[in-house]
N, C-alpha and C. Protein backbone atom coordinates (compact mmCIF):
# COMPACT_ATOMS: atom_id res chain seq x y z
N MET A 1 12.13 143.38 -21.67
CA MET A 1 10.85 143.63 -21.33
C MET A 1 10.73 143.02 -19.84
N ARG A 2 11.06 142.21 -19.36
CA ARG A 2 11.27 141.51 -18.18
C ARG A 2 12.18 142.29 -17.60
N ALA A 3 13.06 142.87 -18.21
CA ALA A 3 14.96 143.56 -18.00
C ALA A 3 13.62 145.05 -17.03
N ILE A 4 12.66 145.71 -17.93
CA ILE A 4 12.26 147.20 -17.68
C ILE A 4 11.35 146.72 -16.04
N ASP A 5 10.26 145.82 -16.56
CA ASP A 5 9.74 145.28 -15.84
C ASP A 5 10.64 145.20 -14.31
N SER A 6 11.65 143.99 -14.07
CA SER A 6 12.12 143.78 -12.62
C SER A 6 12.52 145.45 -12.49
N ALA A 7 13.10 146.11 -12.86
CA ALA A 7 13.51 147.12 -12.36
C ALA A 7 13.04 148.08 -11.98
N ARG A 8 11.41 148.44 -12.74
CA ARG A 8 10.43 148.79 -12.23
C ARG A 8 9.19 148.61 -10.83
N LEU A 9 9.38 147.85 -10.64
CA LEU A 9 8.82 147.06 -8.95
C LEU A 9 10.04 146.88 -8.27
N ARG A 10 11.54 146.75 -8.92
CA ARG A 10 12.31 147.60 -7.38
C ARG A 10 12.29 149.05 -6.89
N SER A 11 12.11 149.75 -7.93
CA SER A 11 12.15 151.46 -7.65
C SER A 11 10.77 152.05 -7.16
N ASN A 12 9.98 150.53 -7.10
CA ASN A 12 8.17 151.23 -6.71
C ASN A 12 7.89 151.01 -5.04
N GLY A 13 9.31 150.02 -4.43
CA GLY A 13 8.93 149.41 -3.25
C GLY A 13 10.27 148.74 -2.79
N PHE A 14 10.61 148.03 -1.73
CA PHE A 14 11.93 147.28 -0.71
C PHE A 14 11.62 145.99 -1.08
N THR A 15 12.89 145.73 -1.75
CA THR A 15 13.06 143.83 -1.73
C THR A 15 12.69 143.43 -0.44
N LEU A 16 12.20 142.14 -0.49
CA LEU A 16 12.52 141.23 0.77
C LEU A 16 13.87 141.33 2.00
N VAL A 17 14.96 141.53 1.14
CA VAL A 17 15.92 141.39 2.16
C VAL A 17 16.18 142.41 2.56
N GLU A 18 15.70 143.66 1.88
CA GLU A 18 15.76 145.68 2.41
C GLU A 18 14.34 145.74 4.01
N LEU A 19 13.11 144.96 3.53
CA LEU A 19 12.36 144.87 4.46
C LEU A 19 12.95 144.25 6.00
N LEU A 20 13.38 142.82 5.43
CA LEU A 20 13.52 142.16 6.36
C LEU A 20 15.07 143.46 7.69
N ILE A 21 16.17 143.37 6.57
CA ILE A 21 17.27 144.85 7.88
C ILE A 21 15.91 145.78 7.97
N ALA A 22 14.92 146.11 7.94
CA ALA A 22 14.34 147.11 8.27
C ALA A 22 13.85 147.03 9.65
N LEU A 23 12.97 145.92 9.11
CA LEU A 23 12.38 145.00 10.66
C LEU A 23 13.31 144.65 11.93
N ALA A 24 14.46 144.36 11.15
CA ALA A 24 15.46 144.13 12.05
C ALA A 24 16.11 145.08 13.53
N ILE A 25 16.21 146.58 12.64
CA ILE A 25 16.95 148.09 13.56
C ILE A 25 15.94 148.17 14.00
N ILE A 26 14.68 148.28 13.70
CA ILE A 26 13.44 148.96 14.22
C ILE A 26 13.64 148.03 16.05
N GLY A 27 13.27 146.82 16.11
CA GLY A 27 13.07 145.99 16.86
C GLY A 27 14.35 146.39 17.46
N LEU A 28 16.05 146.35 16.85
CA LEU A 28 16.86 146.95 17.88
C LEU A 28 16.35 147.93 18.61
N ILE A 29 16.18 149.39 17.73
CA ILE A 29 15.68 150.23 18.31
C ILE A 29 14.88 150.44 19.29
N THR A 30 13.74 149.28 19.43
CA THR A 30 12.47 149.42 19.94
C THR A 30 13.26 148.82 21.86
N LEU A 31 14.09 147.67 21.50
CA LEU A 31 14.60 147.07 22.57
C LEU A 31 15.37 147.81 23.36
N LEU A 32 16.52 149.09 22.79
CA LEU A 32 17.48 149.54 22.75
C LEU A 32 16.71 150.56 24.29
N LEU A 33 15.01 151.21 23.57
CA LEU A 33 14.54 152.00 23.99
C LEU A 33 13.83 151.97 25.60
N PHE A 34 13.14 150.25 25.34
CA PHE A 34 12.77 149.80 26.36
C PHE A 34 13.72 149.65 27.73
N SER A 35 15.11 149.20 27.24
CA SER A 35 16.02 149.13 27.94
C SER A 35 16.39 150.06 28.44
N GLY A 36 16.13 151.18 27.61
CA GLY A 36 16.80 152.65 28.59
C GLY A 36 15.84 153.03 29.60
N LEU A 37 14.58 153.01 29.46
CA LEU A 37 13.18 153.12 30.13
C LEU A 37 13.15 152.73 31.91
N ARG A 38 13.79 150.93 31.56
CA ARG A 38 13.72 149.88 32.65
C ARG A 38 15.36 150.76 33.58
N LEU A 39 16.32 151.14 33.09
CA LEU A 39 17.24 151.58 33.77
C LEU A 39 16.90 152.98 34.51
N GLY A 40 16.48 153.93 33.73
CA GLY A 40 15.96 155.20 33.87
C GLY A 40 15.07 155.23 35.05
N SER A 41 14.05 153.54 34.94
CA SER A 41 12.79 153.74 36.32
C SER A 41 13.73 153.04 37.72
N ARG A 42 14.78 152.49 36.91
CA ARG A 42 15.81 151.88 38.37
C ARG A 42 16.23 152.79 39.04
N ALA A 43 17.00 153.72 37.91
CA ALA A 43 17.81 154.92 38.66
C ALA A 43 17.34 155.98 39.54
N TRP A 44 15.57 155.92 39.10
CA TRP A 44 15.04 157.22 39.84
C TRP A 44 14.41 156.46 40.86
N GLU A 45 14.27 155.08 41.33
CA GLU A 45 14.02 153.82 42.54
C GLU A 45 15.27 154.21 43.01
N ALA A 46 16.37 154.07 42.81
CA ALA A 46 17.34 153.54 43.60
C ALA A 46 17.65 155.57 44.46
N VAL A 47 17.64 156.43 43.70
CA VAL A 47 17.24 158.11 43.75
C VAL A 47 16.84 158.28 44.71
N ASP A 48 15.41 158.26 44.56
CA ASP A 48 13.76 158.39 45.91
C ASP A 48 14.32 157.35 47.24
N ALA A 49 15.37 155.74 46.66
CA ALA A 49 15.14 155.43 48.19
C ALA A 49 16.42 156.44 49.29
N VAL A 50 17.39 156.69 48.73
CA VAL A 50 18.66 157.09 49.21
C VAL A 50 17.68 158.51 49.79
N ALA A 51 16.48 159.16 49.12
CA ALA A 51 16.64 160.19 49.64
C ALA A 51 15.52 160.56 50.80
N LEU A 52 14.82 159.41 50.63
CA LEU A 52 13.95 158.52 51.66
C LEU A 52 14.50 158.80 53.18
N ARG A 53 15.80 157.63 52.51
CA ARG A 53 16.95 157.10 53.86
C ARG A 53 17.21 158.38 54.42
N THR A 54 17.65 159.09 53.68
CA THR A 54 18.62 160.27 53.87
C THR A 54 17.55 161.66 54.25
N GLY A 55 15.97 161.80 54.19
CA GLY A 55 15.19 162.34 54.87
C GLY A 55 14.85 161.99 56.09
N ASP A 56 14.96 160.78 56.56
CA ASP A 56 14.47 160.39 57.52
C ASP A 56 15.93 160.42 58.75
N LEU A 57 16.88 160.89 58.79
CA LEU A 57 18.30 160.33 59.41
C LEU A 57 18.14 163.01 59.06
N ARG A 58 17.87 163.21 58.02
CA ARG A 58 18.01 164.64 58.55
C ARG A 58 16.69 165.44 59.27
N LEU A 59 15.46 164.61 59.54
CA LEU A 59 14.59 164.80 60.36
C LEU A 59 15.13 164.07 61.01
N ALA A 60 15.79 163.02 61.92
CA ALA A 60 15.95 162.98 63.32
C ALA A 60 17.14 163.82 63.82
N HIS A 61 18.32 164.26 63.49
CA HIS A 61 18.81 165.62 63.69
C HIS A 61 18.03 166.51 63.89
N GLY A 62 17.57 167.53 62.78
CA GLY A 62 16.48 168.38 63.51
C GLY A 62 15.57 168.00 64.55
N PHE A 63 15.31 167.27 65.08
CA PHE A 63 14.56 167.22 65.88
C PHE A 63 15.16 167.44 67.01
N LEU A 64 16.36 166.39 67.38
CA LEU A 64 17.65 166.71 67.78
C LEU A 64 17.63 167.58 68.49
N ALA A 65 18.29 168.60 67.21
CA ALA A 65 18.61 169.69 67.64
C ALA A 65 17.91 170.71 68.42
N ARG A 66 16.68 170.85 67.98
CA ARG A 66 15.38 171.58 67.99
C ARG A 66 15.13 171.20 69.30
N THR A 67 15.25 169.83 69.74
CA THR A 67 14.29 169.60 71.09
C THR A 67 15.93 169.55 72.36
N LEU A 68 16.79 169.97 72.24
CA LEU A 68 17.86 169.82 73.43
C LEU A 68 18.16 171.14 73.00
N GLY A 69 17.59 171.70 72.06
CA GLY A 69 18.11 173.35 72.37
C GLY A 69 16.97 174.20 73.05
N GLN A 70 16.24 173.70 73.18
CA GLN A 70 14.88 174.26 74.25
C GLN A 70 15.02 173.64 75.60
N MET A 71 15.71 172.60 76.06
CA MET A 71 15.85 171.94 77.18
C MET A 71 16.01 173.53 78.25
N ARG A 72 14.96 172.14 79.96
CA ARG A 72 14.99 173.74 80.81
C ARG A 72 15.53 173.29 81.55
N ILE A 73 16.66 173.86 82.20
CA ILE A 73 17.01 173.47 83.44
C ILE A 73 16.59 173.18 84.95
N ILE A 74 15.99 172.31 84.90
CA ILE A 74 15.31 171.91 86.06
C ILE A 74 15.72 170.73 87.26
N SER A 75 15.70 171.27 87.99
CA SER A 75 16.32 170.17 89.65
C SER A 75 14.56 169.46 90.09
N THR A 76 15.24 168.49 91.03
CA THR A 76 13.81 168.02 91.25
C THR A 76 14.33 166.91 92.32
N THR A 77 13.83 166.26 92.78
CA THR A 77 13.93 165.39 94.37
C THR A 77 13.31 163.64 93.68
N PHE A 78 14.33 163.19 94.34
CA PHE A 78 14.42 161.45 94.03
C PHE A 78 14.40 160.91 94.80
N ASP A 79 13.17 160.03 95.51
CA ASP A 79 13.87 159.30 96.54
C ASP A 79 14.41 160.21 97.54
N SER A 80 14.18 161.70 98.39
CA SER A 80 14.13 162.08 98.63
C SER A 80 15.88 162.90 98.85
N GLU A 81 16.01 162.72 97.84
CA GLU A 81 17.19 163.21 97.49
C GLU A 81 17.78 164.28 95.85
N PRO A 82 17.85 165.09 96.17
CA PRO A 82 18.18 166.15 94.47
C PRO A 82 18.75 165.97 93.72
N ILE A 83 18.37 166.12 92.68
CA ILE A 83 18.85 165.63 91.17
C ILE A 83 18.65 166.47 90.69
N LEU A 84 19.37 166.48 89.59
CA LEU A 84 19.13 166.72 88.27
C LEU A 84 18.11 166.05 87.15
N LEU A 85 17.68 167.51 86.31
CA LEU A 85 16.52 166.62 85.39
C LEU A 85 17.30 166.39 84.19
N PHE A 86 18.15 165.93 83.77
CA PHE A 86 19.33 165.51 83.22
C PHE A 86 20.37 164.45 83.63
N ASN A 87 20.66 163.59 82.75
CA ASN A 87 21.42 162.06 83.14
C ASN A 87 21.55 161.37 81.12
N GLY A 88 22.79 161.39 80.66
CA GLY A 88 22.71 160.95 80.32
C GLY A 88 24.48 160.03 79.87
N ASP A 89 24.59 158.86 78.73
CA ASP A 89 25.62 157.95 78.86
C ASP A 89 26.38 158.11 77.38
N ALA A 90 26.90 156.78 76.57
CA ALA A 90 27.28 156.90 75.06
C ALA A 90 25.98 156.82 74.43
N GLU A 91 24.99 156.23 74.72
CA GLU A 91 24.09 155.61 73.66
C GLU A 91 22.36 156.36 74.20
N ARG A 92 22.48 156.73 75.64
CA ARG A 92 21.15 157.17 76.22
C ARG A 92 21.26 158.98 76.94
N ILE A 93 20.05 159.75 76.80
CA ILE A 93 20.18 161.22 77.28
C ILE A 93 19.08 161.13 78.03
N GLU A 94 18.79 161.70 78.79
CA GLU A 94 17.03 162.35 79.47
C GLU A 94 17.85 164.08 79.97
N PHE A 95 16.75 164.64 79.67
CA PHE A 95 15.98 166.34 79.87
C PHE A 95 14.90 166.32 79.77
N VAL A 96 14.51 167.59 80.19
CA VAL A 96 13.40 168.31 80.76
C VAL A 96 13.34 168.89 78.73
N ALA A 97 12.00 169.51 78.00
CA ALA A 97 12.09 170.20 76.94
C ALA A 97 10.11 170.00 76.68
N PRO A 98 9.68 171.35 75.61
CA PRO A 98 8.66 171.70 75.47
C PRO A 98 8.60 170.59 73.91
N LEU A 99 7.59 170.24 74.28
CA LEU A 99 7.00 169.51 73.20
C LEU A 99 6.20 170.24 72.37
N SER A 100 5.77 169.96 71.26
CA SER A 100 4.59 171.15 70.79
C SER A 100 3.38 170.53 70.79
N ASP A 101 2.38 171.39 69.99
CA ASP A 101 0.96 170.77 70.53
C ASP A 101 0.61 169.25 69.66
N HIS A 102 1.15 169.02 69.16
CA HIS A 102 0.36 167.03 67.74
C HIS A 102 1.33 166.89 68.65
N VAL A 103 1.72 166.70 70.08
CA VAL A 103 2.48 165.41 70.52
C VAL A 103 1.92 165.52 72.21
N GLY A 104 1.18 164.75 72.09
CA GLY A 104 0.48 164.93 73.70
C GLY A 104 -0.14 165.96 73.81
N ILE A 105 -0.21 165.94 75.25
CA ILE A 105 -0.46 167.24 75.94
C ILE A 105 0.87 168.23 75.36
N PRO A 106 0.22 169.28 75.46
CA PRO A 106 1.28 170.37 75.47
C PRO A 106 1.53 170.69 76.76
N GLY A 107 3.16 170.92 77.14
CA GLY A 107 3.64 171.54 78.28
C GLY A 107 5.22 170.91 78.15
N LEU A 108 5.72 170.65 79.58
CA LEU A 108 6.69 170.19 79.64
C LEU A 108 7.36 168.89 79.62
N TYR A 109 8.50 168.23 79.10
CA TYR A 109 7.78 166.28 78.81
C TYR A 109 9.26 166.25 79.82
N VAL A 110 9.29 165.10 80.33
CA VAL A 110 11.05 164.62 80.25
C VAL A 110 10.78 163.14 79.44
N LEU A 111 12.01 163.56 78.72
CA LEU A 111 11.90 162.95 77.20
C LEU A 111 13.21 162.23 77.01
N ARG A 112 13.09 160.95 77.02
CA ARG A 112 14.60 159.97 76.78
C ARG A 112 14.63 158.92 76.17
N LEU A 113 15.74 159.53 75.07
CA LEU A 113 16.35 158.53 73.90
C LEU A 113 16.76 158.09 74.14
N SER A 114 16.76 156.58 73.14
CA SER A 114 17.73 155.43 74.26
C SER A 114 18.00 154.57 72.82
N LEU A 115 18.80 153.80 72.28
CA LEU A 115 18.66 152.63 71.20
C LEU A 115 18.25 151.41 71.64
N GLU A 116 17.00 151.20 70.94
CA GLU A 116 16.07 150.07 71.19
C GLU A 116 16.90 148.99 70.55
N ASP A 117 16.58 147.03 70.56
CA ASP A 117 17.16 146.02 69.11
C ASP A 117 15.43 146.05 69.31
N LYS A 118 15.75 145.35 67.68
CA LYS A 118 14.30 145.09 67.86
C LYS A 118 14.35 143.92 66.32
N GLY A 119 14.33 142.99 66.10
CA GLY A 119 15.38 142.07 66.14
C GLY A 119 16.79 142.37 65.32
N SER A 120 17.53 141.94 64.15
CA SER A 120 18.19 142.71 64.01
C SER A 120 18.48 143.97 63.96
N LYS A 121 18.03 144.66 63.78
CA LYS A 121 18.31 146.22 63.78
C LYS A 121 17.81 146.92 65.14
N ARG A 122 18.54 148.58 65.37
CA ARG A 122 18.90 148.98 66.55
C ARG A 122 17.58 150.49 65.94
N ASN A 123 17.28 150.53 66.89
CA ASN A 123 16.83 151.62 66.39
C ASN A 123 16.50 153.36 67.58
N LEU A 124 16.56 154.39 66.52
CA LEU A 124 16.45 154.93 68.16
C LEU A 124 14.65 155.55 68.18
N VAL A 125 14.34 155.61 70.38
CA VAL A 125 13.35 155.69 70.00
C VAL A 125 13.15 156.88 71.30
N LEU A 126 12.06 157.50 71.67
CA LEU A 126 12.19 158.68 72.44
C LEU A 126 10.82 158.07 72.79
N THR A 127 11.00 158.23 74.63
CA THR A 127 9.98 158.07 75.33
C THR A 127 9.62 159.38 76.13
N ARG A 128 8.36 159.95 76.33
CA ARG A 128 8.36 160.84 77.38
C ARG A 128 6.95 160.60 77.88
N TRP A 129 7.21 161.46 79.28
CA TRP A 129 6.57 161.80 80.46
C TRP A 129 6.36 163.49 80.54
N LEU A 130 5.20 163.71 80.22
CA LEU A 130 4.81 164.82 80.66
C LEU A 130 4.86 164.98 82.09
N TYR A 131 5.74 166.59 82.32
CA TYR A 131 6.42 166.40 83.65
C TYR A 131 5.37 167.20 84.66
N HIS A 132 4.42 165.95 85.65
CA HIS A 132 3.67 166.63 86.23
C HIS A 132 3.54 165.48 87.36
N PRO A 133 3.66 165.49 89.33
CA PRO A 133 4.38 164.37 89.27
C PRO A 133 2.89 163.07 89.35
N LYS A 134 1.59 163.69 88.73
CA LYS A 134 1.10 162.47 89.02
C LYS A 134 0.57 161.65 88.28
N VAL A 135 1.67 161.70 86.67
CA VAL A 135 2.33 161.23 85.81
C VAL A 135 3.68 160.88 85.83
N LEU A 136 4.06 161.76 86.40
CA LEU A 136 5.62 160.51 86.77
C LEU A 136 5.80 159.57 87.51
N GLU A 137 4.31 159.15 88.67
CA GLU A 137 4.47 158.14 89.23
C GLU A 137 3.90 156.69 88.19
N GLY A 138 3.48 156.69 87.53
CA GLY A 138 3.34 155.74 86.09
C GLY A 138 1.83 155.71 86.01
N GLY A 139 1.34 154.82 85.85
CA GLY A 139 0.09 154.25 85.90
C GLY A 139 -0.23 153.04 85.10
N ASP A 140 -1.72 152.20 85.01
CA ASP A 140 -1.97 151.36 84.94
C ASP A 140 -1.34 150.50 83.67
N ASP A 141 -1.05 151.76 82.74
CA ASP A 141 -0.61 150.51 81.47
C ASP A 141 0.63 151.78 81.07
N TYR A 142 1.20 152.18 81.62
CA TYR A 142 2.93 152.98 81.61
C TYR A 142 3.39 152.70 82.05
N PRO A 143 5.02 152.86 82.55
CA PRO A 143 5.68 152.40 83.39
C PRO A 143 6.28 153.95 84.30
N PRO A 144 6.10 154.31 85.68
CA PRO A 144 6.49 155.29 86.24
C PRO A 144 8.04 155.58 85.47
N TRP A 145 8.38 156.75 85.92
CA TRP A 145 9.21 157.56 85.96
C TRP A 145 10.91 157.50 86.62
N GLU A 146 11.79 156.90 86.30
CA GLU A 146 13.09 156.76 87.35
C GLU A 146 14.18 157.49 86.52
N PRO A 147 15.28 158.14 87.58
CA PRO A 147 16.34 159.05 86.80
C PRO A 147 16.97 157.87 85.97
N LEU A 148 17.66 158.56 84.29
CA LEU A 148 18.63 156.72 83.55
C LEU A 148 19.60 156.48 85.11
N GLN A 149 20.08 157.61 85.84
CA GLN A 149 20.64 156.57 86.59
C GLN A 149 20.72 156.17 87.22
N SER A 150 19.39 155.29 87.32
CA SER A 150 18.66 154.60 88.83
C SER A 150 19.01 152.89 87.77
N GLY A 151 19.22 152.16 88.33
CA GLY A 151 19.28 150.50 88.21
C GLY A 151 18.25 150.14 88.14
N ARG A 152 16.95 150.66 88.71
CA ARG A 152 16.25 150.14 88.17
C ARG A 152 14.67 151.08 87.45
N GLY A 153 14.09 149.53 86.56
CA GLY A 153 13.03 150.24 85.05
C GLY A 153 13.93 151.15 84.94
N MET A 154 14.94 150.77 83.79
CA MET A 154 15.79 151.40 82.98
C MET A 154 15.02 151.04 81.40
N SER A 155 14.75 149.66 81.55
CA SER A 155 14.49 148.68 80.91
C SER A 155 12.81 149.41 79.96
N LEU A 156 13.13 149.60 78.74
CA LEU A 156 11.34 150.55 78.42
C LEU A 156 11.25 148.91 76.91
N ASP A 157 12.28 148.29 77.15
CA ASP A 157 12.05 147.22 75.45
C ASP A 157 10.68 146.42 76.12
N GLY A 158 10.08 146.00 76.89
CA GLY A 158 8.79 145.55 76.80
C GLY A 158 7.87 145.97 75.94
N PHE A 159 7.68 147.32 76.19
CA PHE A 159 6.93 148.36 76.00
C PHE A 159 6.82 149.16 74.29
N PRO A 160 5.82 148.72 73.76
CA PRO A 160 6.03 149.27 71.61
C PRO A 160 6.70 150.51 71.46
N SER A 161 7.67 150.16 70.73
CA SER A 161 7.62 151.81 70.02
C SER A 161 6.58 152.76 69.58
N ASP A 162 6.18 152.49 69.20
CA ASP A 162 4.56 153.59 68.97
C ASP A 162 3.97 153.38 69.33
N MET A 163 3.53 154.29 70.89
CA MET A 163 2.49 154.04 71.95
C MET A 163 2.17 155.54 72.43
N ASP A 164 0.62 155.44 73.13
CA ASP A 164 0.16 156.24 72.92
C ASP A 164 -0.98 156.95 73.88
N THR A 165 -0.99 156.61 75.35
CA THR A 165 -1.84 156.67 76.55
C THR A 165 -1.64 157.83 77.64
N ALA A 166 -2.36 157.52 78.34
CA ALA A 166 -2.82 158.54 79.88
C ALA A 166 -3.40 159.68 78.66
N GLY A 167 -3.68 159.99 77.70
CA GLY A 167 -4.46 160.59 77.03
C GLY A 167 -3.62 161.60 77.20
N GLY A 168 -1.96 161.23 75.85
CA GLY A 168 -0.71 161.74 75.83
C GLY A 168 -0.12 162.46 76.36
N ALA A 169 -0.26 161.92 77.66
CA ALA A 169 0.49 161.91 78.71
C ALA A 169 1.38 161.47 78.75
N PHE A 170 2.06 160.35 78.44
CA PHE A 170 2.60 159.33 78.15
C PHE A 170 3.04 158.36 76.90
N GLY A 171 4.37 158.45 76.38
CA GLY A 171 4.29 157.82 74.71
C GLY A 171 5.24 157.98 74.43
N ARG A 172 5.70 156.82 73.33
CA ARG A 172 6.87 156.43 72.20
C ARG A 172 6.82 155.97 71.09
N THR A 173 7.71 156.93 70.41
CA THR A 173 8.11 157.28 69.53
C THR A 173 9.31 156.81 68.87
N GLN A 174 9.23 155.91 67.65
CA GLN A 174 10.64 155.62 67.04
C GLN A 174 10.84 156.96 66.28
N LEU A 175 11.92 157.51 66.10
CA LEU A 175 12.38 158.61 65.46
C LEU A 175 13.44 157.70 64.23
N LEU A 176 14.25 156.81 64.69
CA LEU A 176 15.06 156.78 63.79
C LEU A 176 14.80 154.53 64.02
N GLU A 177 15.15 153.97 61.83
CA GLU A 177 15.60 152.73 62.29
C GLU A 177 16.97 152.31 61.86
N ASP A 178 17.60 151.25 61.70
CA ASP A 178 18.13 150.09 61.78
C ASP A 178 19.70 151.72 61.98
N VAL A 179 20.09 152.12 63.17
CA VAL A 179 20.87 152.79 63.43
C VAL A 179 22.19 152.53 63.92
N ASP A 180 23.39 152.79 62.39
CA ASP A 180 24.82 151.70 63.18
C ASP A 180 25.45 152.57 64.00
N VAL A 181 25.04 154.13 64.05
CA VAL A 181 26.12 154.74 65.70
C VAL A 181 25.23 155.88 65.93
N LEU A 182 25.07 155.41 67.77
CA LEU A 182 25.00 156.49 68.37
C LEU A 182 25.86 156.88 69.22
N THR A 183 26.77 158.22 69.08
CA THR A 183 28.15 158.08 70.45
C THR A 183 27.29 159.36 71.15
N ILE A 184 27.22 159.35 72.32
CA ILE A 184 26.97 161.32 72.33
C ILE A 184 28.03 160.85 73.90
N SER A 185 27.91 162.37 73.27
CA SER A 185 29.18 163.45 74.26
C SER A 185 28.76 164.58 75.30
N TYR A 186 29.87 164.76 76.04
CA TYR A 186 29.41 165.79 77.19
C TYR A 186 30.75 166.72 77.94
N PHE A 187 30.83 167.81 77.23
CA PHE A 187 31.47 168.97 77.54
C PHE A 187 31.46 169.89 79.02
N GLY A 188 32.11 169.40 79.96
CA GLY A 188 31.74 170.23 80.57
C GLY A 188 32.33 170.61 81.97
N LEU A 189 32.04 170.96 83.41
CA LEU A 189 32.64 170.26 84.46
C LEU A 189 32.24 169.89 85.25
N ALA A 190 32.53 168.46 85.07
CA ALA A 190 31.76 167.71 86.08
C ALA A 190 32.80 167.52 87.81
N ASP A 191 32.40 166.96 88.45
CA ASP A 191 32.43 166.71 89.64
C ASP A 191 33.57 165.78 89.51
N GLY A 192 34.82 166.80 90.45
CA GLY A 192 35.95 166.31 90.33
C GLY A 192 36.98 167.06 89.60
N ASP A 193 36.66 167.50 88.87
CA ASP A 193 37.15 167.75 86.97
C ASP A 193 37.82 169.66 88.26
N SER A 194 39.15 169.77 87.33
CA SER A 194 39.45 170.89 87.43
C SER A 194 39.49 171.75 86.03
N GLU A 195 39.30 170.98 84.98
CA GLU A 195 39.26 171.61 84.25
C GLU A 195 38.10 171.22 83.48
N PRO A 196 37.24 171.79 82.24
CA PRO A 196 36.11 171.37 81.60
C PRO A 196 36.13 170.60 80.59
N GLN A 197 36.12 169.11 80.26
CA GLN A 197 36.63 168.65 79.45
C GLN A 197 35.27 167.30 79.01
N TRP A 198 36.26 166.58 78.32
CA TRP A 198 34.38 165.93 76.91
C TRP A 198 34.85 164.60 77.77
N HIS A 199 33.57 163.90 78.54
CA HIS A 199 32.74 163.14 78.80
C HIS A 199 31.88 161.78 78.02
N GLU A 200 32.63 160.61 79.20
CA GLU A 200 31.53 159.99 77.65
C GLU A 200 30.19 159.40 78.82
N ASP A 201 29.88 159.81 79.99
CA ASP A 201 28.47 159.80 80.43
C ASP A 201 28.61 161.45 81.23
N TRP A 202 27.63 161.38 81.69
CA TRP A 202 27.39 162.38 83.03
C TRP A 202 26.07 162.47 83.52
N LEU A 203 26.82 161.63 84.29
CA LEU A 203 24.98 160.88 85.59
C LEU A 203 25.09 160.95 86.61
N LYS A 204 24.79 161.55 88.05
CA LYS A 204 24.42 162.08 89.03
C LYS A 204 25.32 162.77 89.27
N GLN A 205 25.03 163.94 88.32
CA GLN A 205 26.54 165.01 88.67
C GLN A 205 25.47 166.53 88.86
N THR A 206 26.14 166.91 89.88
CA THR A 206 25.70 168.32 90.45
C THR A 206 25.34 169.73 89.60
N GLN A 207 26.41 169.81 88.77
CA GLN A 207 26.47 170.12 87.80
C GLN A 207 25.91 170.29 86.06
N TRP A 208 25.35 171.20 85.33
CA TRP A 208 24.95 170.40 83.63
C TRP A 208 25.92 170.31 83.35
N PRO A 209 26.69 170.32 81.74
CA PRO A 209 27.35 170.11 80.97
C PRO A 209 27.00 171.60 80.17
N THR A 210 28.30 172.10 79.55
CA THR A 210 27.75 172.94 78.60
C THR A 210 27.57 172.88 76.91
N LEU A 211 28.15 171.78 76.27
CA LEU A 211 27.99 171.51 75.23
C LEU A 211 27.90 169.53 75.42
N ILE A 212 26.53 169.26 74.06
CA ILE A 212 26.20 167.91 74.47
C ILE A 212 26.73 167.32 72.52
N ARG A 213 27.41 166.78 72.27
CA ARG A 213 28.08 166.63 70.72
C ARG A 213 27.21 164.65 70.85
N ILE A 214 26.53 164.31 69.46
CA ILE A 214 25.79 163.50 69.00
C ILE A 214 26.25 162.81 67.83
N ARG A 215 26.54 161.72 67.77
CA ARG A 215 26.82 161.27 66.75
C ARG A 215 26.12 160.14 65.77
N LEU A 216 25.61 160.15 64.91
CA LEU A 216 23.94 159.53 64.99
C LEU A 216 24.16 158.99 62.89
N TRP A 217 23.91 158.03 63.45
CA TRP A 217 24.17 157.34 61.52
C TRP A 217 23.83 156.00 61.75
N THR A 218 23.28 156.36 59.86
CA THR A 218 22.13 154.75 59.39
C THR A 218 23.50 153.25 59.34
N HIS A 219 22.91 152.68 58.76
CA HIS A 219 23.74 151.51 58.47
C HIS A 219 23.84 152.32 56.90
N SER A 220 23.00 153.41 55.91
CA SER A 220 22.54 153.58 54.57
C SER A 220 23.18 154.99 54.93
N GLN A 221 23.38 155.69 55.94
CA GLN A 221 23.47 157.02 55.29
C GLN A 221 24.24 157.70 57.02
N THR A 222 25.69 158.93 56.24
CA THR A 222 25.77 159.22 57.71
C THR A 222 25.75 160.50 57.73
N TRP A 223 26.16 161.36 58.92
CA TRP A 223 25.84 162.99 58.81
C TRP A 223 26.52 163.01 59.48
N PRO A 224 26.54 164.78 59.14
CA PRO A 224 27.86 165.42 60.62
C PRO A 224 27.47 165.38 62.18
N ASP A 225 28.45 165.59 62.44
CA ASP A 225 28.32 165.66 63.78
C ASP A 225 27.41 166.77 64.29
N LEU A 226 26.06 166.46 65.64
CA LEU A 226 25.28 167.52 66.04
C LEU A 226 26.25 168.23 66.84
N TYR A 227 26.11 169.20 67.25
CA TYR A 227 26.57 170.07 68.73
C TYR A 227 25.52 171.50 69.14
N VAL A 228 25.44 171.24 70.25
CA VAL A 228 24.09 171.64 70.79
C VAL A 228 24.52 172.56 72.80
N THR A 229 24.58 173.76 72.36
CA THR A 229 24.90 173.96 73.66
C THR A 229 24.06 174.54 74.48
N VAL A 230 24.20 173.68 76.10
CA VAL A 230 22.60 173.91 76.43
C VAL A 230 22.49 175.39 77.18
N PRO A 231 21.18 175.36 76.94
CA PRO A 231 20.27 176.80 77.60
C PRO A 231 20.54 176.76 79.10
N GLY A 232 21.19 178.34 78.73
CA GLY A 232 21.69 178.91 79.35
C GLY A 232 23.06 178.77 80.71
N ARG A 233 24.13 177.68 79.67
CA ARG A 233 24.98 177.78 80.11
C ARG A 233 26.45 177.88 78.65
N ARG A 234 25.74 178.72 78.46
CA ARG A 234 26.94 179.86 76.96
C ARG A 234 27.99 180.24 77.76
């Protein structure tokens, strides 16, 4: 009678050992499930971070291509000497181009792109002056414009990397943070050349380059070199 009752009880449910084994398996499955969720979350966070960094670099390249492609061939005078409104070296470039309505005042601007130190990082900063005599003379809260080749007033490190003043006629914008490589080269017939060639700078020249090459990388991302033909010099 006892044997029959014991068999009947076992057939109606789990033994204690079987129940403990089942709970252990469920716990292991739950642990694996949450571990997988955490791993997936971290993977997505890493993908988002890479996409953000790549997006910043892509936007900077797009801005450079678009703005340099709209460059204006303009000459002016400075200290009673005729100069081209275009100068550049390996890590800086200055030219005239239009900016859209949502950036300052609509019109042509003298644009200067340069690397500036901020702590342990080097950032790409755009400085702009509205191409107007009064604005180029400077104001109480912004510096006068001087050509890039001039040894005076070339450093703008004392000004914030993001500012807008003079009703939008002068401003500075950080285009890209944590730059690792910025190399600008210029192809053309420089003064004294017998044939066009690549140059590391284009300063105090009497004619324009025909092609500009820019290599811009951050510490976390690289990008193909940008080539821009100077408008009107094709």
